[in-house]
Amino acid sequence: MRIVVRLLGTHRSFLPSGARGGMVELEFPGATVTLAEIRGRLGMPPQTPRIVFHQGNPIDDDHQLVDRDEVVFVSPVGGG
């Protein structure tokens, strides 16, 4: 199973070497994978501030993803 992961802003520091354009395709065994497993594969600590989107909706670490899904990691922004 393959998941497309896009990392924006400061999250790009978690891209594996050789990744280009802020994107990497990760391969996992099985039919589903959680966002927590993806984050772990990237070496991103659980406390890293982030918002992750799947199909335009924010998701949590326990969200189940399937083959060819795409997720986008962005940094939360504050201000006013």
PDB file of N, CA and C in Angstrom:
ATOM      1  N   MET A   1       0.844  -1.169   0.000  1.00  0.00           N
ATOM      2  CA  MET A   1       0.000   0.000   0.000  1.00  0.00           C
ATOM      3  C   MET A   1       0.895   1.239   0.000  1.00  0.00           C
ATOM      4  N   ARG A   2       0.507   2.229  -0.769  1.00  0.00           N
ATOM      5  CA  ARG A   2       1.295   3.465  -0.871  1.00  0.00           C
ATOM      6  C   ARG A   2       0.449   4.670  -0.481  1.00  0.00           C
ATOM      7  N   ILE A   3       1.094   5.562   0.252  1.00  0.00           N
ATOM      8  CA  ILE A   3       0.466   6.813   0.678  1.00  0.00           C
ATOM      9  C   ILE A   3       1.339   7.966   0.201  1.00  0.00           C
ATOM     10  N   VAL A   4       0.723   8.956  -0.413  1.00  0.00           N
ATOM     11  CA  VAL A   4       1.436  10.163  -0.837  1.00  0.00           C
ATOM     12  C   VAL A   4       1.387  11.162   0.309  1.00  0.00           C
ATOM     13  N   VAL A   5       2.554  11.662   0.692  1.00  0.00           N
ATOM     14  CA  VAL A   5       2.658  12.595   1.814  1.00  0.00           C
ATOM     15  C   VAL A   5       3.276  13.887   1.307  1.00  0.00           C
ATOM     16  N   ARG A   6       2.587  14.995   1.540  1.00  0.00           N
ATOM     17  CA  ARG A   6       3.117  16.322   1.205  1.00  0.00           C
ATOM     18  C   ARG A   6       3.406  17.048   2.515  1.00  0.00           C
ATOM     19  N   LEU A   7       4.603  17.593   2.607  1.00  0.00           N
ATOM     20  CA  LEU A   7       5.025  18.311   3.809  1.00  0.00           C
ATOM     21  C   LEU A   7       5.308  19.757   3.429  1.00  0.00           C
ATOM     22  N   LEU A   8       4.608  20.675   4.071  1.00  0.00           N
ATOM     23  CA  LEU A   8       4.745  22.099   3.763  1.00  0.00           C
ATOM     24  C   LEU A   8       5.459  22.829   4.898  1.00  0.00           C
ATOM     25  N   GLY A   9       6.105  23.925   4.553  1.00  0.00           N
ATOM     26  CA  GLY A   9       6.749  24.779   5.549  1.00  0.00           C
ATOM     27  C   GLY A   9       7.832  24.053   6.324  1.00  0.00           C
ATOM     28  N   THR A  10       7.825  24.246   7.639  1.00  0.00           N
ATOM     29  CA  THR A  10       8.862  23.671   8.497  1.00  0.00           C
ATOM     30  C   THR A  10       8.821  22.148   8.531  1.00  0.00           C
ATOM     31  N   HIS A  11       7.724  21.554   8.126  1.00  0.00           N
ATOM     32  CA  HIS A  11       7.632  20.090   8.126  1.00  0.00           C
ATOM     33  C   HIS A  11       8.515  19.443   7.056  1.00  0.00           C
ATOM     34  N   ARG A  12       8.968  20.223   6.094  1.00  0.00           N
ATOM     35  CA  ARG A  12       9.836  19.670   5.046  1.00  0.00           C
ATOM     36  C   ARG A  12      11.124  19.089   5.620  1.00  0.00           C
ATOM     37  N   SER A  13      11.498  19.515   6.808  1.00  0.00           N
ATOM     38  CA  SER A  13      12.713  18.974   7.429  1.00  0.00           C
ATOM     39  C   SER A  13      12.573  17.481   7.731  1.00  0.00           C
ATOM     40  N   PHE A  14      11.358  16.941   7.711  1.00  0.00           N
ATOM     41  CA  PHE A  14      11.126  15.521   7.970  1.00  0.00           C
ATOM     42  C   PHE A  14      11.094  14.682   6.699  1.00  0.00           C
ATOM     43  N   LEU A  15      11.286  15.306   5.548  1.00  0.00           N
ATOM     44  CA  LEU A  15      11.309  14.551   4.293  1.00  0.00           C
ATOM     45  C   LEU A  15      12.536  13.649   4.250  1.00  0.00           C
ATOM     46  N   PRO A  16      12.381  12.423   3.756  1.00  0.00           N
ATOM     47  CA  PRO A  16      13.550  11.560   3.575  1.00  0.00           C
ATOM     48  C   PRO A  16      14.483  12.142   2.520  1.00  0.00           C
ATOM     49  N   SER A  17      15.751  11.780   2.600  1.00  0.00           N
ATOM     50  CA  SER A  17      16.695  12.269   1.597  1.00  0.00           C
ATOM     51  C   SER A  17      16.257  11.779   0.217  1.00  0.00           C
ATOM     52  N   GLY A  18      16.427  12.618  -0.752  1.00  0.00           N
ATOM     53  CA  GLY A  18      16.042  12.293  -2.118  1.00  0.00           C
ATOM     54  C   GLY A  18      14.622  12.702  -2.481  1.00  0.00           C
ATOM     55  N   ALA A  19      13.819  13.089  -1.483  1.00  0.00           N
ATOM     56  CA  ALA A  19      12.452  13.544  -1.778  1.00  0.00           C
ATOM     57  C   ALA A  19      12.521  14.896  -2.471  1.00  0.00           C
ATOM     58  N   ARG A  20      11.587  15.122  -3.389  1.00  0.00           N
ATOM     59  CA  ARG A  20      11.586  16.378  -4.138  1.00  0.00           C
ATOM     60  C   ARG A  20      10.219  17.028  -4.102  1.00  0.00           C
ATOM     61  N   GLY A  21      10.228  18.349  -4.158  1.00  0.00           N
ATOM     62  CA  GLY A  21       8.983  19.097  -4.242  1.00  0.00           C
ATOM     63  C   GLY A  21       8.106  18.994  -3.008  1.00  0.00           C
ATOM     64  N   GLY A  22       8.712  18.683  -1.871  1.00  0.00           N
ATOM     65  CA  GLY A  22       7.936  18.607  -0.634  1.00  0.00           C
ATOM     66  C   GLY A  22       7.032  17.397  -0.552  1.00  0.00           C
ATOM     67  N   MET A  23       7.293  16.387  -1.385  1.00  0.00           N
ATOM     68  CA  MET A  23       6.415  15.223  -1.451  1.00  0.00           C
ATOM     69  C   MET A  23       7.225  13.934  -1.404  1.00  0.00           C
ATOM     70  N   VAL A  24       6.628  12.917  -0.776  1.00  0.00           N
ATOM     71  CA  VAL A  24       7.227  11.590  -0.774  1.00  0.00           C
ATOM     72  C   VAL A  24       6.097  10.561  -0.821  1.00  0.00           C
ATOM     73  N   GLU A  25       6.369   9.443  -1.448  1.00  0.00           N
ATOM     74  CA  GLU A  25       5.410   8.346  -1.456  1.00  0.00           C
ATOM     75  C   GLU A  25       5.972   7.256  -0.549  1.00  0.00           C
ATOM     76  N   LEU A  26       5.209   6.896   0.482  1.00  0.00           N
ATOM     77  CA  LEU A  26       5.649   5.893   1.443  1.00  0.00           C
ATOM     78  C   LEU A  26       4.886   4.596   1.213  1.00  0.00           C
ATOM     79  N   GLU A  27       5.584   3.474   1.369  1.00  0.00           N
ATOM     80  CA  GLU A  27       4.956   2.169   1.186  1.00  0.00           C
ATOM     81  C   GLU A  27       4.821   1.483   2.543  1.00  0.00           C
ATOM     82  N   PHE A  28       3.647   0.885   2.770  1.00  0.00           N
ATOM     83  CA  PHE A  28       3.336   0.186   4.016  1.00  0.00           C
ATOM     84  C   PHE A  28       2.736  -1.181   3.702  1.00  0.00           C
ATOM     85  N   PRO A  29       2.978  -2.171   4.583  1.00  0.00           N
ATOM     86  CA  PRO A  29       2.301  -3.459   4.404  1.00  0.00           C
ATOM     87  C   PRO A  29       0.851  -3.342   4.878  1.00  0.00           C
ATOM     88  N   GLY A  30       0.003  -4.218   4.441  1.00  0.00           N
ATOM     89  CA  GLY A  30      -1.379  -4.223   4.916  1.00  0.00           C
ATOM     90  C   GLY A  30      -2.289  -3.357   4.083  1.00  0.00           C
ATOM     91  N   ALA A  31      -3.562  -3.331   4.494  1.00  0.00           N
ATOM     92  CA  ALA A  31      -4.594  -2.624   3.733  1.00  0.00           C
ATOM     93  C   ALA A  31      -4.849  -1.215   4.239  1.00  0.00           C
ATOM     94  N   THR A  32      -4.495  -0.926   5.487  1.00  0.00           N
ATOM     95  CA  THR A  32      -4.688   0.413   6.037  1.00  0.00           C
ATOM     96  C   THR A  32      -3.464   0.817   6.846  1.00  0.00           C
ATOM     97  N   VAL A  33      -3.360   2.106   7.084  1.00  0.00           N
ATOM     98  CA  VAL A  33      -2.290   2.670   7.907  1.00  0.00           C
ATOM     99  C   VAL A  33      -2.862   3.895   8.608  1.00  0.00           C
ATOM    100  N   THR A  34      -2.387   4.174   9.820  1.00  0.00           N
ATOM    101  CA  THR A  34      -2.863   5.361  10.538  1.00  0.00           C
ATOM    102  C   THR A  34      -1.912   6.530  10.289  1.00  0.00           C
ATOM    103  N   LEU A  35      -2.430   7.705  10.537  1.00  0.00           N
ATOM    104  CA  LEU A  35      -1.589   8.891  10.438  1.00  0.00           C
ATOM    105  C   LEU A  35      -0.421   8.804  11.416  1.00  0.00           C
ATOM    106  N   ALA A  36      -0.643   8.237  12.596  1.00  0.00           N
ATOM    107  CA  ALA A  36       0.430   8.078  13.585  1.00  0.00           C
ATOM    108  C   ALA A  36       1.569   7.229  13.013  1.00  0.00           C
ATOM    109  N   GLU A  37       1.241   6.184  12.248  1.00  0.00           N
ATOM    110  CA  GLU A  37       2.271   5.342  11.640  1.00  0.00           C
ATOM    111  C   GLU A  37       3.050   6.113  10.582  1.00  0.00           C
ATOM    112  N   ILE A  38       2.374   6.947   9.838  1.00  0.00           N
ATOM    113  CA  ILE A  38       3.045   7.780   8.831  1.00  0.00           C
ATOM    114  C   ILE A  38       3.987   8.757   9.519  1.00  0.00           C
ATOM    115  N   ARG A  39       3.478   9.425  10.549  1.00  0.00           N
ATOM    116  CA  ARG A  39       4.296  10.379  11.301  1.00  0.00           C
ATOM    117  C   ARG A  39       5.535   9.686  11.860  1.00  0.00           C
ATOM    118  N   GLY A  40       5.354   8.474  12.399  1.00  0.00           N
ATOM    119  CA  GLY A  40       6.479   7.713  12.931  1.00  0.00           C
ATOM    120  C   GLY A  40       7.502   7.377  11.863  1.00  0.00           C
ATOM    121  N   ARG A  41       7.047   6.981  10.686  1.00  0.00           N
ATOM    122  CA  ARG A  41       7.959   6.655   9.589  1.00  0.00           C
ATOM    123  C   ARG A  41       8.783   7.870   9.185  1.00  0.00           C
ATOM    124  N   LEU A  42       8.182   9.052   9.287  1.00  0.00           N
ATOM    125  CA  LEU A  42       8.895  10.285   8.937  1.00  0.00           C
ATOM    126  C   LEU A  42       9.837  10.752  10.051  1.00  0.00           C
ATOM    127  N   GLY A  43       9.729  10.143  11.229  1.00  0.00           N
ATOM    128  CA  GLY A  43      10.561  10.561  12.357  1.00  0.00           C
ATOM    129  C   GLY A  43      10.057  11.830  13.016  1.00  0.00           C
ATOM    130  N   MET A  44       8.778  12.117  12.847  1.00  0.00           N
ATOM    131  CA  MET A  44       8.180  13.332  13.406  1.00  0.00           C
ATOM    132  C   MET A  44       7.669  13.043  14.818  1.00  0.00           C
ATOM    133  N   PRO A  45       8.215  13.729  15.827  1.00  0.00           N
ATOM    134  CA  PRO A  45       7.761  13.507  17.202  1.00  0.00           C
ATOM    135  C   PRO A  45       6.271  13.838  17.372  1.00  0.00           C
ATOM    136  N   PRO A  46       5.592  13.121  18.279  1.00  0.00           N
ATOM    137  CA  PRO A  46       4.154  13.351  18.486  1.00  0.00           C
ATOM    138  C   PRO A  46       3.806  14.784  18.866  1.00  0.00           C
ATOM    139  N   GLN A  47       4.726  15.480  19.542  1.00  0.00           N
ATOM    140  CA  GLN A  47       4.434  16.837  20.008  1.00  0.00           C
ATOM    141  C   GLN A  47       4.673  17.908  18.940  1.00  0.00           C
ATOM    142  N   THR A  48       5.087  17.515  17.743  1.00  0.00           N
ATOM    143  CA  THR A  48       5.302  18.476  16.665  1.00  0.00           C
ATOM    144  C   THR A  48       3.984  19.145  16.300  1.00  0.00           C
ATOM    145  N   PRO A  49       3.912  20.490  16.384  1.00  0.00           N
ATOM    146  CA  PRO A  49       2.666  21.174  16.005  1.00  0.00           C
ATOM    147  C   PRO A  49       2.358  20.938  14.521  1.00  0.00           C
ATOM    148  N   ARG A  50       1.132  20.538  14.254  1.00  0.00           N
ATOM    149  CA  ARG A  50       0.780  20.237  12.871  1.00  0.00           C
ATOM    150  C   ARG A  50      -0.732  20.189  12.713  1.00  0.00           C
ATOM    151  N   ILE A  51      -1.153  20.425  11.497  1.00  0.00           N
ATOM    152  CA  ILE A  51      -2.516  20.137  11.065  1.00  0.00           C
ATOM    153  C   ILE A  51      -2.336  19.275   9.824  1.00  0.00           C
ATOM    154  N   VAL A  52      -3.056  18.174   9.757  1.00  0.00           N
ATOM    155  CA  VAL A  52      -2.922  17.265   8.628  1.00  0.00           C
ATOM    156  C   VAL A  52      -4.275  17.140   7.945  1.00  0.00           C
ATOM    157  N   PHE A  53      -4.249  17.271   6.627  1.00  0.00           N
ATOM    158  CA  PHE A  53      -5.477  17.211   5.835  1.00  0.00           C
ATOM    159  C   PHE A  53      -5.498  15.967   4.952  1.00  0.00           C
ATOM    160  N   HIS A  54      -6.678  15.383   4.838  1.00  0.00           N
ATOM    161  CA  HIS A  54      -6.946  14.274   3.914  1.00  0.00           C
ATOM    162  C   HIS A  54      -8.243  14.607   3.205  1.00  0.00           C
ATOM    163  N   GLN A  55      -8.202  14.709   1.901  1.00  0.00           N
ATOM    164  CA  GLN A  55      -9.363  15.088   1.099  1.00  0.00           C
ATOM    165  C   GLN A  55      -9.982  16.404   1.577  1.00  0.00           C
ATOM    166  N   GLY A  56      -9.121  17.342   1.965  1.00  0.00           N
ATOM    167  CA  GLY A  56      -9.572  18.670   2.361  1.00  0.00           C
ATOM    168  C   GLY A  56     -10.075  18.791   3.782  1.00  0.00           C
ATOM    169  N   ASN A  57     -10.037  17.697   4.544  1.00  0.00           N
ATOM    170  CA  ASN A  57     -10.524  17.720   5.927  1.00  0.00           C
ATOM    171  C   ASN A  57      -9.395  17.414   6.899  1.00  0.00           C
ATOM    172  N   PRO A  58      -9.361  18.103   8.048  1.00  0.00           N
ATOM    173  CA  PRO A  58      -8.333  17.805   9.045  1.00  0.00           C
ATOM    174  C   PRO A  58      -8.564  16.416   9.648  1.00  0.00           C
ATOM    175  N   ILE A  59      -7.457  15.697   9.923  1.00  0.00           N
ATOM    176  CA  ILE A  59      -7.555  14.360  10.501  1.00  0.00           C
ATOM    177  C   ILE A  59      -6.653  14.234  11.717  1.00  0.00           C
ATOM    178  N   ASP A  60      -6.952  13.236  12.558  1.00  0.00           N
ATOM    179  CA  ASP A  60      -6.178  12.953  13.767  1.00  0.00           C
ATOM    180  C   ASP A  60      -5.248  11.763  13.539  1.00  0.00           C
ATOM    181  N   ASP A  61      -4.370  11.515  14.522  1.00  0.00           N
ATOM    182  CA  ASP A  61      -3.393  10.429  14.430  1.00  0.00           C
ATOM    183  C   ASP A  61      -4.015   9.052  14.236  1.00  0.00           C
ATOM    184  N   ASP A  62      -5.231   8.829  14.694  1.00  0.00           N
ATOM    185  CA  ASP A  62      -5.839   7.506  14.590  1.00  0.00           C
ATOM    186  C   ASP A  62      -6.637   7.309  13.296  1.00  0.00           C
ATOM    187  N   HIS A  63      -6.631   8.299  12.425  1.00  0.00           N
ATOM    188  CA  HIS A  63      -7.369   8.211  11.156  1.00  0.00           C
ATOM    189  C   HIS A  63      -6.776   7.106  10.288  1.00  0.00           C
ATOM    190  N   GLN A  64      -7.637   6.240   9.738  1.00  0.00           N
ATOM    191  CA  GLN A  64      -7.222   5.130   8.870  1.00  0.00           C
ATOM    192  C   GLN A  64      -7.151   5.590   7.416  1.00  0.00           C
ATOM    193  N   LEU A  65      -6.032   5.315   6.770  1.00  0.00           N
ATOM    194  CA  LEU A  65      -5.837   5.660   5.364  1.00  0.00           C
ATOM    195  C   LEU A  65      -5.676   4.388   4.552  1.00  0.00           C
ATOM    196  N   VAL A  66      -6.030   4.455   3.274  1.00  0.00           N
ATOM    197  CA  VAL A  66      -5.939   3.294   2.392  1.00  0.00           C
ATOM    198  C   VAL A  66      -5.039   3.614   1.198  1.00  0.00           C
ATOM    199  N   ASP A  67      -4.772   2.601   0.403  1.00  0.00           N
ATOM    200  CA  ASP A  67      -3.865   2.721  -0.737  1.00  0.00           C
ATOM    201  C   ASP A  67      -4.184   3.937  -1.601  1.00  0.00           C
ATOM    202  N   ARG A  68      -3.132   4.664  -1.940  1.00  0.00           N
ATOM    203  CA  ARG A  68      -3.168   5.849  -2.807  1.00  0.00           C
ATOM    204  C   ARG A  68      -3.806   7.088  -2.178  1.00  0.00           C
ATOM    205  N   ASP A  69      -4.093   7.041  -0.887  1.00  0.00           N
ATOM    206  CA  ASP A  69      -4.546   8.262  -0.223  1.00  0.00           C
ATOM    207  C   ASP A  69      -3.406   9.267  -0.189  1.00  0.00           C
ATOM    208  N   GLU A  70      -3.752  10.528  -0.049  1.00  0.00           N
ATOM    209  CA  GLU A  70      -2.765  11.601   0.045  1.00  0.00           C
ATOM    210  C   GLU A  70      -3.071  12.429   1.285  1.00  0.00           C
ATOM    211  N   VAL A  71      -2.016  12.760   2.037  1.00  0.00           N
ATOM    212  CA  VAL A  71      -2.161  13.621   3.203  1.00  0.00           C
ATOM    213  C   VAL A  71      -1.217  14.804   3.066  1.00  0.00           C
ATOM    214  N   VAL A  72      -1.613  15.921   3.665  1.00  0.00           N
ATOM    215  CA  VAL A  72      -0.823  17.154   3.609  1.00  0.00           C
ATOM    216  C   VAL A  72      -0.603  17.658   5.026  1.00  0.00           C
ATOM    217  N   PHE A  73       0.670  17.789   5.428  1.00  0.00           N
ATOM    218  CA  PHE A  73       1.052  18.319   6.728  1.00  0.00           C
ATOM    219  C   PHE A  73       1.320  19.816   6.595  1.00  0.00           C
ATOM    220  N   VAL A  74       0.665  20.620   7.410  1.00  0.00           N
ATOM    221  CA  VAL A  74       0.911  22.065   7.441  1.00  0.00           C
ATOM    222  C   VAL A  74       1.130  22.504   8.880  1.00  0.00           C
ATOM    223  N   SER A  75       1.830  23.616   9.020  1.00  0.00           N
ATOM    224  CA  SER A  75       2.056  24.182  10.360  1.00  0.00           C
ATOM    225  C   SER A  75       0.891  25.051  10.743  1.00  0.00           C
ATOM    226  N   PRO A  76       0.430  24.931  12.007  1.00  0.00           N
ATOM    227  CA  PRO A  76      -0.636  25.826  12.449  1.00  0.00           C
ATOM    228  C   PRO A  76      -0.122  27.257  12.476  1.00  0.00           C
ATOM    229  N   VAL A  77      -1.009  28.191  12.168  1.00  0.00           N
ATOM    230  CA  VAL A  77      -0.645  29.599  12.138  1.00  0.00           C
ATOM    231  C   VAL A  77      -1.555  30.352  13.082  1.00  0.00           C
ATOM    232  N   GLY A  78      -0.990  31.260  13.837  1.00  0.00           N
ATOM    233  CA  GLY A  78      -1.797  32.087  14.728  1.00  0.00           C
ATOM    234  C   GLY A  78      -1.537  33.553  14.443  1.00  0.00           C
ATOM    235  N   GLY A  79      -2.319  34.365  15.012  1.00  0.00           N
ATOM    236  CA  GLY A  79      -2.137  35.796  14.821  1.00  0.00           C
ATOM    237  C   GLY A  79      -3.465  36.510  14.745  1.00  0.00           C
ATOM    238  N   GLY A  80      -3.384  37.736  14.458  1.00  0.00           N
ATOM    239  CA  GLY A  80      -4.648  38.461  14.354  1.00  0.00           C
ATOM    240  C   GLY A  80      -4.460  39.915  14.164  1.00  0.00           C
TER     241      GLY A  80
END
